[in-house]
């Protein structure tokens, strides 16, 4: 049974041992190695599944020239003393 797992591409450290440990931690007493076969196959398949292609969900705001918009860093500061504003030397 173990030879079939290894011949099928299962990795001892990444697929087999973690599944045996997981069932041991659950207190499951296997009657044979066959109990692990499906779990090891699932672990191998999950490990080899490629990541889905990522996508950008929010584009950055740009102008027609492709540059970032001019930011107004003083917007919403009415009533507050803004230190270091344009032309102010501190």
C-alpha atoms as a PDB file:
ATOM      1  CA  UNK A   1       0.000   0.000   0.000  1.00  0.00           C
ATOM      2  CA  UNK A   2       2.746   2.476   0.939  1.00  0.00           C
ATOM      3  CA  UNK A   3       4.580   1.686  -2.297  1.00  0.00           C
ATOM      4  CA  UNK A   4       1.417   2.590  -4.237  1.00  0.00           C
ATOM      5  CA  UNK A   5       1.257   5.970  -2.531  1.00  0.00           C
ATOM      6  CA  UNK A   6       4.902   6.702  -3.285  1.00  0.00           C
ATOM      7  CA  UNK A   7       4.638   5.399  -6.864  1.00  0.00           C
ATOM      8  CA  UNK A   8       1.552   7.605  -7.292  1.00  0.00           C
ATOM      9  CA  UNK A   9       3.571  10.691  -6.400  1.00  0.00           C
ATOM     10  CA  UNK A  10       2.605  11.156  -2.738  1.00  0.00           C
ATOM     11  CA  UNK A  11       5.278  12.852  -0.660  1.00  0.00           C
ATOM     12  CA  UNK A  12       6.195  11.267   2.675  1.00  0.00           C
ATOM     13  CA  UNK A  13       6.659  14.570   4.526  1.00  0.00           C
ATOM     14  CA  UNK A  14       3.911  16.601   2.836  1.00  0.00           C
ATOM     15  CA  UNK A  15       1.131  14.039   2.254  1.00  0.00           C
ATOM     16  CA  UNK A  16       1.595  10.756   4.109  1.00  0.00           C
ATOM     17  CA  UNK A  17       2.919  11.649   7.583  1.00  0.00           C
ATOM     18  CA  UNK A  18       0.519  14.600   8.100  1.00  0.00           C
ATOM     19  CA  UNK A  19      -2.502  12.402   7.273  1.00  0.00           C
ATOM     20  CA  UNK A  20      -1.367   9.594   9.570  1.00  0.00           C
ATOM     21  CA  UNK A  21      -0.791  12.159  12.339  1.00  0.00           C
ATOM     22  CA  UNK A  22      -4.185  13.795  11.714  1.00  0.00           C
ATOM     23  CA  UNK A  23      -6.038  10.488  12.135  1.00  0.00           C
ATOM     24  CA  UNK A  24      -3.891   9.599  15.152  1.00  0.00           C
ATOM     25  CA  UNK A  25      -4.768  12.939  16.783  1.00  0.00           C
ATOM     26  CA  UNK A  26      -8.463  12.127  16.244  1.00  0.00           C
ATOM     27  CA  UNK A  27      -7.946   8.841  18.094  1.00  0.00           C
ATOM     28  CA  UNK A  28      -8.843   6.704  15.070  1.00  0.00           C
ATOM     29  CA  UNK A  29      -7.380   3.194  15.242  1.00  0.00           C
ATOM     30  CA  UNK A  30      -6.930   1.965  11.658  1.00  0.00           C
ATOM     31  CA  UNK A  31      -7.290  -1.731  10.850  1.00  0.00           C
ATOM     32  CA  UNK A  32      -5.044  -1.329   7.827  1.00  0.00           C
ATOM     33  CA  UNK A  33      -3.160   1.123   5.669  1.00  0.00           C
ATOM     34  CA  UNK A  34      -6.090   1.374   3.237  1.00  0.00           C
ATOM     35  CA  UNK A  35      -7.847   3.768   5.610  1.00  0.00           C
ATOM     36  CA  UNK A  36      -5.272   6.430   4.735  1.00  0.00           C
ATOM     37  CA  UNK A  37      -5.337   6.036   0.948  1.00  0.00           C
ATOM     38  CA  UNK A  38      -8.176   8.462   0.133  1.00  0.00           C
ATOM     39  CA  UNK A  39      -6.952  11.087   2.602  1.00  0.00           C
ATOM     40  CA  UNK A  40      -3.414  10.899   1.215  1.00  0.00           C
ATOM     41  CA  UNK A  41      -4.739  11.158  -2.345  1.00  0.00           C
ATOM     42  CA  UNK A  42      -6.773  14.225  -1.336  1.00  0.00           C
ATOM     43  CA  UNK A  43      -3.747  15.822   0.357  1.00  0.00           C
ATOM     44  CA  UNK A  44      -1.601  15.225  -2.740  1.00  0.00           C
ATOM     45  CA  UNK A  45      -4.269  16.630  -5.041  1.00  0.00           C
ATOM     46  CA  UNK A  46      -4.761  19.714  -2.870  1.00  0.00           C
ATOM     47  CA  UNK A  47      -1.005  20.307  -2.684  1.00  0.00           C
ATOM     48  CA  UNK A  48      -0.620  20.079  -6.468  1.00  0.00           C
ATOM     49  CA  UNK A  49      -3.624  22.242  -7.358  1.00  0.00           C
ATOM     50  CA  UNK A  50      -2.369  25.497  -8.896  1.00  0.00           C
ATOM     51  CA  UNK A  51      -3.490  28.785  -7.455  1.00  0.00           C
ATOM     52  CA  UNK A  52      -6.279  30.541  -9.360  1.00  0.00           C
ATOM     53  CA  UNK A  53      -5.292  33.474 -11.517  1.00  0.00           C
ATOM     54  CA  UNK A  54      -5.420  36.678  -9.516  1.00  0.00           C
ATOM     55  CA  UNK A  55      -7.360  39.714 -10.594  1.00  0.00           C
ATOM     56  CA  UNK A  56      -7.298  43.371  -9.732  1.00  0.00           C
ATOM     57  CA  UNK A  57     -10.518  44.308  -7.997  1.00  0.00           C
ATOM     58  CA  UNK A  58      -9.983  48.060  -7.716  1.00  0.00           C
ATOM     59  CA  UNK A  59      -8.103  50.099 -10.265  1.00  0.00           C
ATOM     60  CA  UNK A  60      -6.160  53.114  -9.086  1.00  0.00           C
ATOM     61  CA  UNK A  61      -7.669  56.479 -10.015  1.00  0.00           C
ATOM     62  CA  UNK A  62      -5.855  58.059 -12.931  1.00  0.00           C
ATOM     63  CA  UNK A  63      -6.155  61.066 -15.184  1.00  0.00           C
ATOM     64  CA  UNK A  64      -6.513  60.853 -18.948  1.00  0.00           C
ATOM     65  CA  UNK A  65      -2.723  61.093 -19.196  1.00  0.00           C
ATOM     66  CA  UNK A  66      -2.367  57.919 -17.112  1.00  0.00           C
ATOM     67  CA  UNK A  67      -0.958  59.670 -14.048  1.00  0.00           C
ATOM     68  CA  UNK A  68      -2.350  59.775 -10.549  1.00  0.00           C
ATOM     69  CA  UNK A  69      -4.875  62.477  -9.734  1.00  0.00           C
ATOM     70  CA  UNK A  70      -3.649  65.551  -7.880  1.00  0.00           C
ATOM     71  CA  UNK A  71      -4.276  64.971  -4.178  1.00  0.00           C
ATOM     72  CA  UNK A  72      -5.760  67.667  -1.949  1.00  0.00           C
ATOM     73  CA  UNK A  73      -4.088  66.945   1.380  1.00  0.00           C
ATOM     74  CA  UNK A  74      -5.761  69.924   3.046  1.00  0.00           C
ATOM     75  CA  UNK A  75      -9.341  68.948   2.219  1.00  0.00           C
ATOM     76  CA  UNK A  76     -11.488  68.605   5.350  1.00  0.00           C
ATOM     77  CA  UNK A  77      -9.119  70.601   7.555  1.00  0.00           C
ATOM     78  CA  UNK A  78     -11.322  73.678   7.911  1.00  0.00           C
ATOM     79  CA  UNK A  79     -11.242  74.889  11.526  1.00  0.00           C
ATOM     80  CA  UNK A  80      -7.897  73.204  12.235  1.00  0.00           C
ATOM     81  CA  UNK A  81      -4.485  74.784  12.203  1.00  0.00           C
ATOM     82  CA  UNK A  82      -2.541  73.125   9.427  1.00  0.00           C
ATOM     83  CA  UNK A  83       1.181  73.260  10.204  1.00  0.00           C
ATOM     84  CA  UNK A  84       3.568  73.153   7.300  1.00  0.00           C
ATOM     85  CA  UNK A  85       1.131  74.210   4.584  1.00  0.00           C
ATOM     86  CA  UNK A  86       2.203  75.641   1.231  1.00  0.00           C
ATOM     87  CA  UNK A  87       4.682  78.468   1.713  1.00  0.00           C
ATOM     88  CA  UNK A  88       4.842  77.985   5.497  1.00  0.00           C
ATOM     89  CA  UNK A  89       8.224  77.477   7.103  1.00  0.00           C
ATOM     90  CA  UNK A  90       8.218  75.799  10.488  1.00  0.00           C
END
